[in-house]
PDB file of N, CA and C in Angstrom:
ATOM      1  N   UNK A   1      15.928 -13.069   0.870  1.00  0.00           N
ATOM      2  CA  UNK A   1      15.589 -11.763   1.292  1.00  0.00           C
ATOM      3  C   UNK A   1      16.520 -10.710   0.707  1.00  0.00           C
ATOM      4  N   UNK A   2      16.041  -9.508   0.301  1.00  0.00           N
ATOM      5  CA  UNK A   2      16.917  -8.512  -0.261  1.00  0.00           C
ATOM      6  C   UNK A   2      16.295  -7.189   0.314  1.00  0.00           C
ATOM      7  N   UNK A   3      17.240  -6.205   0.480  1.00  0.00           N
ATOM      8  CA  UNK A   3      16.789  -4.914   0.948  1.00  0.00           C
ATOM      9  C   UNK A   3      17.675  -3.838   0.239  1.00  0.00           C
ATOM     10  N   UNK A   4      17.169  -2.642   0.226  1.00  0.00           N
ATOM     11  CA  UNK A   4      17.894  -1.575  -0.509  1.00  0.00           C
ATOM     12  C   UNK A   4      17.453  -0.176   0.129  1.00  0.00           C
ATOM     13  N   UNK A   5      18.322   0.685  -0.024  1.00  0.00           N
ATOM     14  CA  UNK A   5      18.173   2.138   0.420  1.00  0.00           C
ATOM     15  C   UNK A   5      18.621   3.024  -0.707  1.00  0.00           C
ATOM     16  N   UNK A   6      17.771   3.915  -1.221  1.00  0.00           N
ATOM     17  CA  UNK A   6      18.100   4.732  -2.269  1.00  0.00           C
ATOM     18  C   UNK A   6      17.773   6.246  -2.038  1.00  0.00           C
ATOM     19  N   UNK A   7      18.594   7.168  -2.495  1.00  0.00           N
ATOM     20  CA  UNK A   7      18.226   8.534  -2.415  1.00  0.00           C
ATOM     21  C   UNK A   7      17.208   8.890  -3.443  1.00  0.00           C
ATOM     22  N   UNK A   8      16.255   9.715  -3.090  1.00  0.00           N
ATOM     23  CA  UNK A   8      15.204  10.140  -4.146  1.00  0.00           C
ATOM     24  C   UNK A   8      15.894  11.325  -4.793  1.00  0.00           C
ATOM     25  N   UNK A   9      16.129  11.037  -6.122  1.00  0.00           N
ATOM     26  CA  UNK A   9      16.797  12.150  -6.897  1.00  0.00           C
ATOM     27  C   UNK A   9      16.323  11.994  -8.339  1.00  0.00           C
ATOM     28  N   UNK A  10      16.456  13.086  -9.092  1.00  0.00           N
ATOM     29  CA  UNK A  10      16.082  13.026 -10.473  1.00  0.00           C
ATOM     30  C   UNK A  10      17.039  11.974 -11.262  1.00  0.00           C
ATOM     31  N   UNK A  11      16.288  11.218 -12.085  1.00  0.00           N
ATOM     32  CA  UNK A  11      16.950  10.269 -12.967  1.00  0.00           C
ATOM     33  C   UNK A  11      16.515  10.577 -14.388  1.00  0.00           C
ATOM     34  N   UNK A  12      17.312  10.453 -15.344  1.00  0.00           N
ATOM     35  CA  UNK A  12      16.956  10.845 -16.726  1.00  0.00           C
ATOM     36  C   UNK A  12      15.984   9.873 -17.404  1.00  0.00           C
ATOM     37  N   UNK A  13      15.224  10.419 -18.416  1.00  0.00           N
ATOM     38  CA  UNK A  13      14.341   9.633 -19.159  1.00  0.00           C
ATOM     39  C   UNK A  13      15.190   8.348 -19.709  1.00  0.00           C
ATOM     40  N   UNK A  14      16.459   8.550 -20.132  1.00  0.00           N
ATOM     41  CA  UNK A  14      17.274   7.467 -20.683  1.00  0.00           C
ATOM     42  C   UNK A  14      17.426   6.378 -19.653  1.00  0.00           C
ATOM     43  N   UNK A  15      17.633   6.710 -18.338  1.00  0.00           N
ATOM     44  CA  UNK A  15      17.764   5.714 -17.301  1.00  0.00           C
ATOM     45  C   UNK A  15      16.497   4.922 -17.213  1.00  0.00           C
ATOM     46  N   UNK A  16      15.317   5.536 -17.210  1.00  0.00           N
ATOM     47  CA  UNK A  16      14.060   4.840 -17.174  1.00  0.00           C
ATOM     48  C   UNK A  16      13.813   3.892 -18.397  1.00  0.00           C
ATOM     49  N   UNK A  17      14.177   4.438 -19.491  1.00  0.00           N
ATOM     50  CA  UNK A  17      14.144   3.617 -20.825  1.00  0.00           C
ATOM     51  C   UNK A  17      15.022   2.475 -20.821  1.00  0.00           C
ATOM     52  N   UNK A  18      16.302   2.609 -20.275  1.00  0.00           N
ATOM     53  CA  UNK A  18      17.238   1.552 -20.257  1.00  0.00           C
ATOM     54  C   UNK A  18      17.029   0.445 -19.310  1.00  0.00           C
ATOM     55  N   UNK A  19      16.471   0.756 -18.077  1.00  0.00           N
ATOM     56  CA  UNK A  19      16.485  -0.194 -16.994  1.00  0.00           C
ATOM     57  C   UNK A  19      15.062  -0.638 -16.540  1.00  0.00           C
ATOM     58  N   UNK A  20      14.007  -0.045 -17.016  1.00  0.00           N
ATOM     59  CA  UNK A  20      12.700  -0.296 -16.568  1.00  0.00           C
ATOM     60  C   UNK A  20      11.887  -1.053 -17.753  1.00  0.00           C
ATOM     61  N   UNK A  21      10.937  -1.924 -17.335  1.00  0.00           N
ATOM     62  CA  UNK A  21      10.082  -2.504 -18.273  1.00  0.00           C
ATOM     63  C   UNK A  21       8.966  -1.646 -18.747  1.00  0.00           C
ATOM     64  N   UNK A  22       8.223  -2.055 -19.737  1.00  0.00           N
ATOM     65  CA  UNK A  22       7.136  -1.237 -20.320  1.00  0.00           C
ATOM     66  C   UNK A  22       6.141  -0.919 -19.158  1.00  0.00           C
ATOM     67  N   UNK A  23       5.772  -1.899 -18.307  1.00  0.00           N
ATOM     68  CA  UNK A  23       4.826  -1.691 -17.275  1.00  0.00           C
ATOM     69  C   UNK A  23       5.311  -0.711 -16.362  1.00  0.00           C
ATOM     70  N   UNK A  24       6.612  -0.745 -15.977  1.00  0.00           N
ATOM     71  CA  UNK A  24       7.149   0.158 -14.969  1.00  0.00           C
ATOM     72  C   UNK A  24       7.198   1.666 -15.675  1.00  0.00           C
ATOM     73  N   UNK A  25       7.588   1.677 -16.913  1.00  0.00           N
ATOM     74  CA  UNK A  25       7.527   3.003 -17.541  1.00  0.00           C
ATOM     75  C   UNK A  25       6.236   3.558 -17.581  1.00  0.00           C
ATOM     76  N   UNK A  26       5.216   2.789 -17.786  1.00  0.00           N
ATOM     77  CA  UNK A  26       3.771   3.314 -17.863  1.00  0.00           C
ATOM     78  C   UNK A  26       3.503   3.852 -16.401  1.00  0.00           C
ATOM     79  N   UNK A  27       3.889   3.152 -15.355  1.00  0.00           N
ATOM     80  CA  UNK A  27       3.548   3.620 -13.947  1.00  0.00           C
ATOM     81  C   UNK A  27       4.249   4.975 -13.727  1.00  0.00           C
ATOM     82  N   UNK A  28       5.529   5.145 -14.169  1.00  0.00           N
ATOM     83  CA  UNK A  28       6.149   6.397 -14.054  1.00  0.00           C
ATOM     84  C   UNK A  28       5.428   7.488 -14.833  1.00  0.00           C
ATOM     85  N   UNK A  29       5.018   7.249 -16.039  1.00  0.00           N
ATOM     86  CA  UNK A  29       4.266   8.220 -16.844  1.00  0.00           C
ATOM     87  C   UNK A  29       3.007   8.596 -16.188  1.00  0.00           C
ATOM     88  N   UNK A  30       2.336   7.647 -15.440  1.00  0.00           N
ATOM     89  CA  UNK A  30       0.929   7.938 -14.806  1.00  0.00           C
ATOM     90  C   UNK A  30       1.128   8.725 -13.513  1.00  0.00           C
ATOM     91  N   UNK A  31       2.340   8.754 -12.927  1.00  0.00           N
ATOM     92  CA  UNK A  31       2.498   9.390 -11.625  1.00  0.00           C
ATOM     93  C   UNK A  31       2.446  10.864 -11.753  1.00  0.00           C
ATOM     94  N   UNK A  32       1.976  11.620 -10.772  1.00  0.00           N
ATOM     95  CA  UNK A  32       1.943  13.030 -10.892  1.00  0.00           C
ATOM     96  C   UNK A  32       3.452  13.556 -10.972  1.00  0.00           C
ATOM     97  N   UNK A  33       3.653  14.642 -11.748  1.00  0.00           N
ATOM     98  CA  UNK A  33       4.976  15.154 -11.969  1.00  0.00           C
ATOM     99  C   UNK A  33       5.798  15.314 -10.708  1.00  0.00           C
ATOM    100  N   UNK A  34       5.078  15.773  -9.745  1.00  0.00           N
ATOM    101  CA  UNK A  34       5.804  16.176  -8.437  1.00  0.00           C
ATOM    102  C   UNK A  34       6.284  14.890  -7.777  1.00  0.00           C
ATOM    103  N   UNK A  35       5.710  13.701  -8.106  1.00  0.00           N
ATOM    104  CA  UNK A  35       6.158  12.433  -7.414  1.00  0.00           C
ATOM    105  C   UNK A  35       6.918  11.560  -8.338  1.00  0.00           C
ATOM    106  N   UNK A  36       7.244  11.830  -9.621  1.00  0.00           N
ATOM    107  CA  UNK A  36       7.861  10.946 -10.523  1.00  0.00           C
ATOM    108  C   UNK A  36       9.248  10.477  -9.961  1.00  0.00           C
ATOM    109  N   UNK A  37       9.963  11.490  -9.386  1.00  0.00           N
ATOM    110  CA  UNK A  37      11.313  11.016  -8.801  1.00  0.00           C
ATOM    111  C   UNK A  37      11.125   9.950  -7.791  1.00  0.00           C
ATOM    112  N   UNK A  38      10.113  10.086  -7.020  1.00  0.00           N
ATOM    113  CA  UNK A  38       9.831   9.014  -5.942  1.00  0.00           C
ATOM    114  C   UNK A  38       9.472   7.726  -6.524  1.00  0.00           C
ATOM    115  N   UNK A  39       8.576   7.741  -7.490  1.00  0.00           N
ATOM    116  CA  UNK A  39       8.134   6.432  -8.085  1.00  0.00           C
ATOM    117  C   UNK A  39       9.420   5.758  -8.857  1.00  0.00           C
ATOM    118  N   UNK A  40      10.194   6.562  -9.554  1.00  0.00           N
ATOM    119  CA  UNK A  40      11.410   5.914 -10.219  1.00  0.00           C
ATOM    120  C   UNK A  40      12.288   5.320  -9.109  1.00  0.00           C
ATOM    121  N   UNK A  41      12.530   6.002  -8.005  1.00  0.00           N
ATOM    122  CA  UNK A  41      13.338   5.488  -6.959  1.00  0.00           C
ATOM    123  C   UNK A  41      12.811   4.322  -6.308  1.00  0.00           C
ATOM    124  N   UNK A  42      11.520   4.365  -6.070  1.00  0.00           N
ATOM    125  CA  UNK A  42      10.830   3.152  -5.441  1.00  0.00           C
ATOM    126  C   UNK A  42      10.980   1.881  -6.419  1.00  0.00           C
ATOM    127  N   UNK A  43      10.766   2.086  -7.732  1.00  0.00           N
ATOM    128  CA  UNK A  43      10.864   0.928  -8.609  1.00  0.00           C
ATOM    129  C   UNK A  43      12.290   0.470  -8.681  1.00  0.00           C
ATOM    130  N   UNK A  44      13.230   1.326  -8.754  1.00  0.00           N
ATOM    131  CA  UNK A  44      14.648   0.957  -8.825  1.00  0.00           C
ATOM    132  C   UNK A  44      14.998   0.226  -7.516  1.00  0.00           C
ATOM    133  N   UNK A  45      14.612   0.754  -6.395  1.00  0.00           N
ATOM    134  CA  UNK A  45      14.972   0.146  -5.159  1.00  0.00           C
ATOM    135  C   UNK A  45      14.327  -1.322  -5.012  1.00  0.00           C
ATOM    136  N   UNK A  46      13.054  -1.348  -5.344  1.00  0.00           N
ATOM    137  CA  UNK A  46      12.456  -2.760  -5.429  1.00  0.00           C
ATOM    138  C   UNK A  46      13.163  -3.743  -6.253  1.00  0.00           C
ATOM    139  N   UNK A  47      13.579  -3.254  -7.456  1.00  0.00           N
ATOM    140  CA  UNK A  47      14.290  -4.150  -8.414  1.00  0.00           C
ATOM    141  C   UNK A  47      15.575  -4.528  -7.797  1.00  0.00           C
ATOM    142  N   UNK A  48      16.314  -3.682  -7.191  1.00  0.00           N
ATOM    143  CA  UNK A  48      17.600  -3.990  -6.604  1.00  0.00           C
ATOM    144  C   UNK A  48      17.429  -4.952  -5.520  1.00  0.00           C
ATOM    145  N   UNK A  49      16.359  -4.778  -4.679  1.00  0.00           N
ATOM    146  CA  UNK A  49      16.135  -5.680  -3.529  1.00  0.00           C
ATOM    147  C   UNK A  49      15.891  -7.102  -3.970  1.00  0.00           C
ATOM    148  N   UNK A  50      14.985  -7.219  -5.109  1.00  0.00           N
ATOM    149  CA  UNK A  50      14.677  -8.528  -5.645  1.00  0.00           C
ATOM    150  C   UNK A  50      15.923  -9.212  -6.316  1.00  0.00           C
ATOM    151  N   UNK A  51      16.711  -8.401  -6.976  1.00  0.00           N
ATOM    152  CA  UNK A  51      17.906  -9.030  -7.607  1.00  0.00           C
ATOM    153  C   UNK A  51      18.976  -9.456  -6.472  1.00  0.00           C
ATOM    154  N   UNK A  52      19.011  -8.742  -5.387  1.00  0.00           N
ATOM    155  CA  UNK A  52      19.767  -9.262  -4.244  1.00  0.00           C
ATOM    156  C   UNK A  52      19.201 -10.530  -3.686  1.00  0.00           C
ATOM    157  N   UNK A  53      17.849 -10.562  -3.540  1.00  0.00           N
ATOM    158  CA  UNK A  53      17.187 -11.792  -3.000  1.00  0.00           C
ATOM    159  C   UNK A  53      17.446 -12.861  -3.933  1.00  0.00           C
ATOM    160  N   UNK A  54      17.591 -12.696  -5.259  1.00  0.00           N
ATOM    161  CA  UNK A  54      17.989 -13.815  -6.223  1.00  0.00           C
ATOM    162  C   UNK A  54      19.416 -14.275  -6.129  1.00  0.00           C
ATOM    163  N   UNK A  55      20.220 -13.386  -5.332  1.00  0.00           N
ATOM    164  CA  UNK A  55      21.650 -13.751  -5.176  1.00  0.00           C
ATOM    165  C   UNK A  55      22.484 -13.260  -6.320  1.00  0.00           C
ATOM    166  N   UNK A  56      21.899 -12.387  -7.241  1.00  0.00           N
ATOM    167  CA  UNK A  56      22.750 -11.979  -8.419  1.00  0.00           C
ATOM    168  C   UNK A  56      23.108 -10.469  -8.463  1.00  0.00           C
ATOM    169  N   UNK A  57      22.251  -9.683  -7.765  1.00  0.00           N
ATOM    170  CA  UNK A  57      22.511  -8.271  -7.789  1.00  0.00           C
ATOM    171  C   UNK A  57      22.290  -7.740  -9.267  1.00  0.00           C
ATOM    172  N   UNK A  58      23.175  -6.699  -9.557  1.00  0.00           N
ATOM    173  CA  UNK A  58      22.979  -6.067 -10.831  1.00  0.00           C
ATOM    174  C   UNK A  58      23.751  -6.826 -11.886  1.00  0.00           C
ATOM    175  N   UNK A  59      24.143  -8.005 -11.759  1.00  0.00           N
ATOM    176  CA  UNK A  59      24.734  -8.869 -12.753  1.00  0.00           C
ATOM    177  C   UNK A  59      23.564  -9.234 -13.683  1.00  0.00           C
ATOM    178  N   UNK A  60      22.356  -9.365 -13.209  1.00  0.00           N
ATOM    179  CA  UNK A  60      21.226  -9.647 -14.056  1.00  0.00           C
ATOM    180  C   UNK A  60      20.687  -8.369 -14.716  1.00  0.00           C
ATOM    181  N   UNK A  61      19.955  -8.480 -15.830  1.00  0.00           N
ATOM    182  CA  UNK A  61      19.377  -7.428 -16.519  1.00  0.00           C
ATOM    183  C   UNK A  61      18.216  -6.976 -15.564  1.00  0.00           C
ATOM    184  N   UNK A  62      18.201  -5.602 -15.292  1.00  0.00           N
ATOM    185  CA  UNK A  62      17.172  -5.113 -14.395  1.00  0.00           C
ATOM    186  C   UNK A  62      15.720  -5.225 -14.983  1.00  0.00           C
ATOM    187  N   UNK A  63      15.603  -5.520 -16.273  1.00  0.00           N
ATOM    188  CA  UNK A  63      14.294  -5.692 -16.879  1.00  0.00           C
ATOM    189  C   UNK A  63      13.801  -7.193 -16.689  1.00  0.00           C
ATOM    190  N   UNK A  64      14.643  -7.963 -16.089  1.00  0.00           N
ATOM    191  CA  UNK A  64      14.169  -9.319 -15.805  1.00  0.00           C
ATOM    192  C   UNK A  64      13.283  -9.502 -14.605  1.00  0.00           C
ATOM    193  N   UNK A  65      13.175  -8.383 -13.833  1.00  0.00           N
ATOM    194  CA  UNK A  65      12.264  -8.191 -12.754  1.00  0.00           C
ATOM    195  C   UNK A  65      11.257  -7.085 -13.005  1.00  0.00           C
ATOM    196  N   UNK A  66      10.096  -7.273 -12.565  1.00  0.00           N
ATOM    197  CA  UNK A  66       9.127  -6.195 -12.717  1.00  0.00           C
ATOM    198  C   UNK A  66       8.525  -5.847 -11.418  1.00  0.00           C
ATOM    199  N   UNK A  67       8.751  -4.601 -10.970  1.00  0.00           N
ATOM    200  CA  UNK A  67       8.296  -4.070  -9.658  1.00  0.00           C
ATOM    201  C   UNK A  67       6.862  -3.483  -9.789  1.00  0.00           C
ATOM    202  N   UNK A  68       6.023  -3.723  -8.774  1.00  0.00           N
ATOM    203  CA  UNK A  68       4.683  -3.254  -8.808  1.00  0.00           C
ATOM    204  C   UNK A  68       4.270  -2.850  -7.415  1.00  0.00           C
ATOM    205  N   UNK A  69       4.289  -1.593  -7.006  1.00  0.00           N
ATOM    206  CA  UNK A  69       3.739  -1.137  -5.766  1.00  0.00           C
ATOM    207  C   UNK A  69       2.228  -1.341  -5.673  1.00  0.00           C
ATOM    208  N   UNK A  70       1.781  -1.878  -4.577  1.00  0.00           N
ATOM    209  CA  UNK A  70       0.307  -2.134  -4.427  1.00  0.00           C
ATOM    210  C   UNK A  70      -0.529  -0.900  -4.531  1.00  0.00           C
ATOM    211  N   UNK A  71      -0.063   0.200  -3.952  1.00  0.00           N
ATOM    212  CA  UNK A  71      -0.967   1.340  -3.750  1.00  0.00           C
ATOM    213  C   UNK A  71      -0.338   2.643  -4.192  1.00  0.00           C
ATOM    214  N   UNK A  72       0.696   2.554  -5.005  1.00  0.00           N
ATOM    215  CA  UNK A  72       1.358   3.821  -5.480  1.00  0.00           C
ATOM    216  C   UNK A  72       0.738   4.169  -6.864  1.00  0.00           C
ATOM    217  N   UNK A  73       0.373   5.370  -7.241  1.00  0.00           N
ATOM    218  CA  UNK A  73       0.754   6.562  -6.489  1.00  0.00           C
ATOM    219  C   UNK A  73      -0.308   7.046  -5.582  1.00  0.00           C
ATOM    220  N   UNK A  74      -1.254   6.229  -5.222  1.00  0.00           N
ATOM    221  CA  UNK A  74      -2.383   6.775  -4.377  1.00  0.00           C
ATOM    222  C   UNK A  74      -1.871   7.186  -3.026  1.00  0.00           C
ATOM    223  N   UNK A  75      -0.920   6.458  -2.434  1.00  0.00           N
ATOM    224  CA  UNK A  75      -0.525   6.888  -1.063  1.00  0.00           C
ATOM    225  C   UNK A  75       0.691   7.790  -1.140  1.00  0.00           C
ATOM    226  N   UNK A  76       0.952   8.517  -0.056  1.00  0.00           N
ATOM    227  CA  UNK A  76       2.086   9.461  -0.026  1.00  0.00           C
ATOM    228  C   UNK A  76       3.354   8.750   0.220  1.00  0.00           C
ATOM    229  N   UNK A  77       3.451   7.583   0.682  1.00  0.00           N
ATOM    230  CA  UNK A  77       4.666   6.840   0.908  1.00  0.00           C
ATOM    231  C   UNK A  77       5.232   7.122   2.335  1.00  0.00           C
ATOM    232  N   UNK A  78       4.638   7.838   3.157  1.00  0.00           N
ATOM    233  CA  UNK A  78       5.217   8.151   4.504  1.00  0.00           C
ATOM    234  C   UNK A  78       5.124   6.912   5.374  1.00  0.00           C
ATOM    235  N   UNK A  79       4.115   6.101   5.263  1.00  0.00           N
ATOM    236  CA  UNK A  79       4.079   4.820   5.987  1.00  0.00           C
ATOM    237  C   UNK A  79       4.677   3.784   5.180  1.00  0.00           C
ATOM    238  N   UNK A  80       4.614   2.467   5.651  1.00  0.00           N
ATOM    239  CA  UNK A  80       5.102   1.401   4.857  1.00  0.00           C
ATOM    240  C   UNK A  80       3.928   0.928   3.893  1.00  0.00           C
ATOM    241  N   UNK A  81       4.304   0.743   2.704  1.00  0.00           N
ATOM    242  CA  UNK A  81       3.384   0.245   1.676  1.00  0.00           C
ATOM    243  C   UNK A  81       3.862  -1.090   1.078  1.00  0.00           C
ATOM    244  N   UNK A  82       2.932  -1.796   0.476  1.00  0.00           N
ATOM    245  CA  UNK A  82       3.288  -3.047  -0.080  1.00  0.00           C
ATOM    246  C   UNK A  82       3.845  -2.914  -1.481  1.00  0.00           C
ATOM    247  N   UNK A  83       4.799  -3.836  -1.865  1.00  0.00           N
ATOM    248  CA  UNK A  83       5.358  -3.881  -3.150  1.00  0.00           C
ATOM    249  C   UNK A  83       5.635  -5.320  -3.492  1.00  0.00           C
ATOM    250  N   UNK A  84       5.377  -5.671  -4.748  1.00  0.00           N
ATOM    251  CA  UNK A  84       5.728  -7.048  -5.246  1.00  0.00           C
ATOM    252  C   UNK A  84       6.676  -6.884  -6.441  1.00  0.00           C
ATOM    253  N   UNK A  85       7.446  -7.926  -6.671  1.00  0.00           N
ATOM    254  CA  UNK A  85       8.360  -8.025  -7.780  1.00  0.00           C
ATOM    255  C   UNK A  85       8.289  -9.403  -8.283  1.00  0.00           C
ATOM    256  N   UNK A  86       8.127  -9.471  -9.647  1.00  0.00           N
ATOM    257  CA  UNK A  86       8.112 -10.745 -10.330  1.00  0.00           C
ATOM    258  C   UNK A  86       9.314 -10.901 -11.197  1.00  0.00           C
ATOM    259  N   UNK A  87       9.985 -12.107 -11.142  1.00  0.00           N
ATOM    260  CA  UNK A  87      11.037 -12.467 -12.006  1.00  0.00           C
ATOM    261  C   UNK A  87      10.486 -13.059 -13.308  1.00  0.00           C
ATOM    262  N   UNK A  88      11.194 -12.897 -14.451  1.00  0.00           N
ATOM    263  CA  UNK A  88      10.686 -13.500 -15.684  1.00  0.00           C
ATOM    264  C   UNK A  88      10.450 -15.028 -15.640  1.00  0.00           C
ATOM    265  N   UNK A  89      11.194 -15.679 -14.698  1.00  0.00           N
ATOM    266  CA  UNK A  89      11.018 -17.090 -14.633  1.00  0.00           C
ATOM    267  C   UNK A  89       9.734 -17.532 -13.765  1.00  0.00           C
ATOM    268  N   UNK A  90       8.962 -16.555 -13.263  1.00  0.00           N
ATOM    269  CA  UNK A  90       7.786 -16.696 -12.554  1.00  0.00           C
ATOM    270  C   UNK A  90       7.901 -16.525 -11.049  1.00  0.00           C
ATOM    271  N   UNK A  91       9.097 -16.538 -10.519  1.00  0.00           N
ATOM    272  CA  UNK A  91       9.328 -16.335  -9.105  1.00  0.00           C
ATOM    273  C   UNK A  91       8.788 -15.026  -8.636  1.00  0.00           C
ATOM    274  N   UNK A  92       8.051 -14.981  -7.514  1.00  0.00           N
ATOM    275  CA  UNK A  92       7.426 -13.754  -7.107  1.00  0.00           C
ATOM    276  C   UNK A  92       7.964 -13.362  -5.646  1.00  0.00           C
ATOM    277  N   UNK A  93       8.212 -12.147  -5.462  1.00  0.00           N
ATOM    278  CA  UNK A  93       8.667 -11.651  -4.182  1.00  0.00           C
ATOM    279  C   UNK A  93       7.627 -10.662  -3.704  1.00  0.00           C
ATOM    280  N   UNK A  94       7.429 -10.587  -2.387  1.00  0.00           N
ATOM    281  CA  UNK A  94       6.547  -9.660  -1.762  1.00  0.00           C
ATOM    282  C   UNK A  94       7.363  -8.809  -0.798  1.00  0.00           C
ATOM    283  N   UNK A  95       6.974  -7.588  -0.456  1.00  0.00           N
ATOM    284  CA  UNK A  95       7.732  -6.846   0.524  1.00  0.00           C
ATOM    285  C   UNK A  95       7.079  -5.515   0.814  1.00  0.00           C
ATOM    286  N   UNK A  96       7.944  -4.644   1.308  1.00  0.00           N
ATOM    287  CA  UNK A  96       7.434  -3.367   1.838  1.00  0.00           C
ATOM    288  C   UNK A  96       8.399  -2.268   1.384  1.00  0.00           C
ATOM    289  N   UNK A  97       7.850  -1.038   1.309  1.00  0.00           N
ATOM    290  CA  UNK A  97       8.637   0.084   0.946  1.00  0.00           C
ATOM    291  C   UNK A  97       8.201   1.210   1.762  1.00  0.00           C
ATOM    292  N   UNK A  98       9.122   2.301   1.961  1.00  0.00           N
ATOM    293  CA  UNK A  98       8.846   3.411   2.672  1.00  0.00           C
ATOM    294  C   UNK A  98       9.694   4.566   2.171  1.00  0.00           C
ATOM    295  N   UNK A  99       9.086   5.771   2.046  1.00  0.00           N
ATOM    296  CA  UNK A  99       9.812   6.988   1.708  1.00  0.00           C
ATOM    297  C   UNK A  99       9.810   7.928   2.767  1.00  0.00           C
ATOM    298  N   UNK A 100      11.012   8.281   3.278  1.00  0.00           N
ATOM    299  CA  UNK A 100      11.160   9.345   4.352  1.00  0.00           C
ATOM    300  C   UNK A 100      12.458  10.010   4.227  1.00  0.00           C
ATOM    301  N   UNK A 101      12.507  11.247   4.449  1.00  0.00           N
ATOM    302  CA  UNK A 101      13.732  12.074   4.426  1.00  0.00           C
ATOM    303  C   UNK A 101      14.491  11.918   3.193  1.00  0.00           C
ATOM    304  N   UNK A 102      13.763  12.050   2.046  1.00  0.00           N
ATOM    305  CA  UNK A 102      14.377  11.921   0.699  1.00  0.00           C
ATOM    306  C   UNK A 102      15.095  10.612   0.506  1.00  0.00           C
ATOM    307  N   UNK A 103      14.616   9.523   1.150  1.00  0.00           N
ATOM    308  CA  UNK A 103      15.165   8.166   0.972  1.00  0.00           C
ATOM    309  C   UNK A 103      14.042   7.228   0.745  1.00  0.00           C
ATOM    310  N   UNK A 104      14.238   6.177  -0.069  1.00  0.00           N
ATOM    311  CA  UNK A 104      13.268   5.052  -0.191  1.00  0.00           C
ATOM    312  C   UNK A 104      13.935   3.754   0.278  1.00  0.00           C
ATOM    313  N   UNK A 105      13.243   3.140   1.119  1.00  0.00           N
ATOM    314  CA  UNK A 105      13.717   1.794   1.594  1.00  0.00           C
ATOM    315  C   UNK A 105      12.816   0.714   1.148  1.00  0.00           C
ATOM    316  N   UNK A 106      13.373  -0.355   0.743  1.00  0.00           N
ATOM    317  CA  UNK A 106      12.618  -1.543   0.325  1.00  0.00           C
ATOM    318  C   UNK A 106      13.088  -2.728   0.989  1.00  0.00           C
ATOM    319  N   UNK A 107      12.239  -3.745   1.305  1.00  0.00           N
ATOM    320  CA  UNK A 107      12.597  -4.977   1.817  1.00  0.00           C
ATOM    321  C   UNK A 107      11.757  -6.007   1.105  1.00  0.00           C
ATOM    322  N   UNK A 108      12.303  -7.017   0.496  1.00  0.00           N
ATOM    323  CA  UNK A 108      11.615  -8.007  -0.369  1.00  0.00           C
ATOM    324  C   UNK A 108      12.019  -9.399   0.132  1.00  0.00           C
ATOM    325  N   UNK A 109      10.990 -10.288   0.087  1.00  0.00           N
ATOM    326  CA  UNK A 109      11.356 -11.646   0.540  1.00  0.00           C
ATOM    327  C   UNK A 109      10.492 -12.703  -0.140  1.00  0.00           C
ATOM    328  N   UNK A 110      11.021 -13.863  -0.168  1.00  0.00           N
ATOM    329  CA  UNK A 110      10.419 -15.067  -0.716  1.00  0.00           C
ATOM    330  C   UNK A 110      10.668 -16.251   0.163  1.00  0.00           C
ATOM    331  N   UNK A 111       9.776 -16.773   0.941  1.00  0.00           N
ATOM    332  CA  UNK A 111       8.287 -16.582   0.897  1.00  0.00           C
ATOM    333  C   UNK A 111       8.006 -15.215   1.464  1.00  0.00           C
ATOM    334  N   UNK A 112       6.741 -14.740   1.129  1.00  0.00           N
ATOM    335  CA  UNK A 112       6.314 -13.396   1.530  1.00  0.00           C
ATOM    336  C   UNK A 112       6.332 -13.224   3.098  1.00  0.00           C
ATOM    337  N   UNK A 113       6.716 -11.974   3.547  1.00  0.00           N
ATOM    338  CA  UNK A 113       6.644 -11.782   4.950  1.00  0.00           C
ATOM    339  C   UNK A 113       5.163 -11.825   5.391  1.00  0.00           C
ATOM    340  N   UNK A 114       4.868 -12.350   6.552  1.00  0.00           N
ATOM    341  CA  UNK A 114       3.495 -12.466   7.032  1.00  0.00           C
ATOM    342  C   UNK A 114       2.926 -11.069   7.369  1.00  0.00           C
ATOM    343  N   UNK A 115       3.728 -10.309   8.010  1.00  0.00           N
ATOM    344  CA  UNK A 115       3.232  -8.983   8.541  1.00  0.00           C
ATOM    345  C   UNK A 115       4.420  -8.168   8.873  1.00  0.00           C
ATOM    346  N   UNK A 116       4.291  -6.831   8.673  1.00  0.00           N
ATOM    347  CA  UNK A 116       5.276  -5.916   9.033  1.00  0.00           C
ATOM    348  C   UNK A 116       5.047  -5.593  10.486  1.00  0.00           C
ATOM    349  N   UNK A 117       6.101  -5.684  11.366  1.00  0.00           N
ATOM    350  CA  UNK A 117       6.046  -5.391  12.717  1.00  0.00           C
ATOM    351  C   UNK A 117       7.078  -4.267  13.105  1.00  0.00           C
ATOM    352  N   UNK A 118       6.544  -3.138  13.580  1.00  0.00           N
ATOM    353  CA  UNK A 118       7.382  -2.062  13.956  1.00  0.00           C
ATOM    354  C   UNK A 118       8.063  -2.456  15.349  1.00  0.00           C
ATOM    355  N   UNK A 119       9.331  -2.291  15.433  1.00  0.00           N
ATOM    356  CA  UNK A 119      10.078  -2.540  16.603  1.00  0.00           C
ATOM    357  C   UNK A 119      10.196  -1.209  17.413  1.00  0.00           C
ATOM    358  N   UNK A 120      10.035  -1.258  18.760  1.00  0.00           N
ATOM    359  CA  UNK A 120      10.118  -0.169  19.568  1.00  0.00           C
ATOM    360  C   UNK A 120      11.365  -0.318  20.465  1.00  0.00           C
ATOM    361  N   UNK A 121      12.158   0.616  20.531  1.00  0.00           N
ATOM    362  CA  UNK A 121      13.389   0.475  21.379  1.00  0.00           C
ATOM    363  C   UNK A 121      13.658   1.615  22.298  1.00  0.00           C
TER     364      UNK A 121
END
């Protein structure tokens, strides 16, 4: 399991070119301009979560994992959405993401979590 919390902020085109795969760069390019910072942050957070789940963190090349939100950019991200991340060796992670208060949260697991359950306290 891996999790991450990232601030939604502008990141340079060089950042995207250096750390994202072609598929991820394509997703960023297709996102509405007003939401590109959010999609870049979501992809980065999902990649970090998966690298943590692999037990390597940022010691691995970030392009060795490919993040794919199930419903982005169609949803606004206010609720929890599904995200998957695949490692180049074929290992697949499933998880959840949420954007609130200028932050993106991701949780990734293998085996996949059965269901997201909101805790009430």
